[in-house]
N, C-alpha and C. Protein backbone atom coordinates (compact mmCIF):
# COMPACT_ATOMS: atom_id res chain seq x y z
N UNK A 1 0.70 -1.43 0.05
CA UNK A 1 0.36 -0.35 -0.40
C UNK A 1 0.54 1.53 -0.07
N UNK A 2 0.92 2.44 -0.97
CA UNK A 2 1.40 3.96 -0.57
C UNK A 2 1.16 4.59 -0.07
N UNK A 3 2.16 4.96 0.65
CA UNK A 3 1.33 6.27 1.57
C UNK A 3 0.63 7.35 0.92
N UNK A 4 -0.12 7.41 2.33
CA UNK A 4 -1.19 9.32 1.64
C UNK A 4 -0.03 10.18 1.53
N UNK A 5 -0.46 11.26 0.52
CA UNK A 5 0.70 12.93 0.72
C UNK A 5 0.63 13.22 2.37
N UNK A 6 0.14 12.71 3.16
CA UNK A 6 0.16 13.66 4.36
C UNK A 6 1.32 12.55 5.12
N UNK A 7 0.97 11.09 4.96
CA UNK A 7 2.40 10.55 5.60
C UNK A 7 3.59 10.41 4.78
N UNK A 8 3.13 10.55 3.75
CA UNK A 8 4.70 10.69 2.70
C UNK A 8 5.28 12.47 2.92
N UNK A 9 4.35 13.70 3.88
CA UNK A 9 5.18 14.74 4.31
C UNK A 9 6.12 14.62 5.33
N UNK A 10 5.43 13.16 6.10
CA UNK A 10 6.16 13.72 7.16
C UNK A 10 7.52 12.51 7.17
N UNK A 11 8.87 12.49 7.27
CA UNK A 11 9.75 11.80 6.97
C UNK A 11 10.25 11.22 8.20
N UNK A 12 10.00 9.91 8.23
CA UNK A 12 10.45 9.22 9.60
C UNK A 12 11.89 9.39 10.36
N UNK A 13 12.69 10.12 9.66
CA UNK A 13 14.00 10.57 10.20
C UNK A 13 13.49 11.42 10.82
N UNK A 14 12.57 12.68 10.72
CA UNK A 14 12.44 13.22 11.95
C UNK A 14 11.78 12.81 12.85
N UNK A 15 10.84 11.74 13.38
CA UNK A 15 10.39 11.17 14.36
C UNK A 15 11.67 10.31 15.33
N UNK A 16 12.58 10.36 14.70
CA UNK A 16 13.61 9.55 14.85
C UNK A 16 14.57 11.00 15.99
N UNK A 17 14.63 11.75 14.55
CA UNK A 17 15.86 12.94 15.36
C UNK A 17 14.45 14.26 16.44
N UNK A 18 13.43 13.38 16.98
CA UNK A 18 12.68 14.37 17.63
C UNK A 18 12.78 13.60 19.04
N UNK A 19 13.16 11.92 18.70
CA UNK A 19 13.28 11.14 19.91
C UNK A 19 14.71 11.63 20.34
N UNK A 20 15.69 11.73 19.88
CA UNK A 20 16.77 11.88 19.80
C UNK A 20 17.39 13.70 20.53
N UNK A 21 16.38 14.11 20.27
CA UNK A 21 17.11 15.36 20.01
C UNK A 21 16.09 16.45 20.40
N UNK A 22 14.48 16.09 20.64
CA UNK A 22 13.22 16.87 21.30
C UNK A 22 13.03 17.29 20.33
N UNK A 23 11.87 18.20 20.51
CA UNK A 23 11.07 18.79 19.46
C UNK A 23 11.69 20.60 19.95
N UNK A 24 12.40 20.36 18.69
CA UNK A 24 13.10 21.68 18.71
C UNK A 24 11.82 22.79 18.41
N UNK A 25 11.51 22.42 17.04
CA UNK A 25 10.56 23.28 16.47
C UNK A 25 9.29 23.36 17.74
N UNK A 26 8.56 22.83 18.08
CA UNK A 26 7.91 22.87 19.43
C UNK A 26 8.26 23.72 19.75
N UNK A 27 9.80 23.59 20.99
CA UNK A 27 10.06 24.67 22.03
C UNK A 27 10.17 26.19 21.76
N UNK A 28 10.54 25.87 20.07
CA UNK A 28 10.90 27.43 19.61
C UNK A 28 9.80 27.88 19.55
N UNK A 29 8.83 27.73 18.93
CA UNK A 29 7.49 28.27 19.18
C UNK A 29 6.79 28.50 20.70
N UNK A 30 6.81 27.64 21.36
CA UNK A 30 6.68 27.86 22.99
C UNK A 30 7.27 29.27 23.64
N UNK A 31 8.89 29.04 22.98
CA UNK A 31 9.47 30.16 23.77
C UNK A 31 8.80 31.46 23.02
N UNK A 32 8.80 31.20 21.66
CA UNK A 32 8.17 32.37 21.30
C UNK A 32 6.72 33.07 21.30
N UNK A 33 6.25 32.23 21.93
CA UNK A 33 4.70 32.80 22.61
C UNK A 33 4.89 33.30 23.27
N UNK A 34 6.35 32.75 24.54
CA UNK A 34 6.27 33.40 25.90
C UNK A 34 6.99 34.58 25.69
N UNK A 35 7.52 34.58 24.79
CA UNK A 35 8.31 36.37 25.04
C UNK A 35 7.40 37.30 23.95
N UNK A 36 6.82 36.91 23.31
CA UNK A 36 5.58 38.04 22.80
C UNK A 36 4.61 37.98 24.08
N UNK A 37 4.00 37.48 25.02
CA UNK A 37 3.54 37.15 26.05
C UNK A 37 4.28 38.62 26.92
N UNK A 38 5.30 38.46 27.33
CA UNK A 38 6.07 39.16 28.35
C UNK A 38 6.35 40.47 27.53
N UNK A 39 6.52 40.62 26.26
CA UNK A 39 6.73 41.80 25.82
C UNK A 39 5.43 42.86 25.89
N UNK A 40 4.38 42.46 25.09
CA UNK A 40 2.96 42.74 25.43
C UNK A 40 3.08 43.65 26.90
N UNK A 41 3.22 42.80 27.78
CA UNK A 41 3.31 42.84 29.01
C UNK A 41 3.74 44.31 29.35
N UNK A 42 5.35 43.95 29.18
CA UNK A 42 6.12 45.53 29.20
C UNK A 42 5.76 46.43 28.82
N UNK A 43 5.23 46.21 27.50
CA UNK A 43 4.75 47.43 26.65
C UNK A 43 3.73 47.98 27.30
N UNK A 44 2.84 47.18 27.78
CA UNK A 44 1.55 48.16 28.23
C UNK A 44 1.92 47.86 29.53
N UNK A 45 2.72 48.04 30.52
CA UNK A 45 3.20 48.55 31.71
C UNK A 45 4.26 50.03 31.59
N UNK A 46 4.83 50.05 30.07
CA UNK A 46 5.20 51.39 29.78
C UNK A 46 4.41 52.19 29.49
N UNK A 47 3.33 52.30 28.91
CA UNK A 47 2.10 52.41 28.60
C UNK A 47 1.49 53.53 29.70
N UNK A 48 1.27 52.86 31.12
CA UNK A 48 0.77 52.78 32.30
C UNK A 48 1.34 53.79 33.05
N UNK A 49 3.04 53.54 33.00
CA UNK A 49 3.73 54.92 33.53
C UNK A 49 4.94 55.45 33.11
N UNK A 50 4.83 56.75 32.63
CA UNK A 50 5.85 57.45 32.18
C UNK A 50 6.83 57.19 32.77
N UNK A 51 7.92 57.55 30.82
CA UNK A 51 8.82 56.97 31.27
C UNK A 51 9.99 58.07 32.05
N UNK A 52 10.41 57.82 32.70
CA UNK A 52 11.35 59.46 33.87
C UNK A 52 12.56 59.84 32.56
N UNK A 53 12.78 61.62 32.76
CA UNK A 53 13.64 61.92 31.99
C UNK A 53 14.46 62.69 32.80
N UNK A 54 15.51 62.22 31.96
CA UNK A 54 16.47 62.91 32.73
C UNK A 54 16.88 64.48 32.48
N UNK A 55 17.53 64.73 33.00
CA UNK A 55 17.82 66.26 33.01
C UNK A 55 18.92 66.86 32.79
N UNK A 56 19.25 67.56 31.71
CA UNK A 56 20.57 67.76 31.52
C UNK A 56 20.78 68.94 32.28
């Protein structure tokens, strides 16, 4: 039986690499989501509090 297109897209080597090294793609996505959330928090807190101005 021939593999379906979706089965052919997932190379067996990828599954081996995930087992050996971890799912780097999923980790990167989680890290990016965390960074976006943290940046949004920081930006919204910066708008709530005026920046300190240095006087010359």
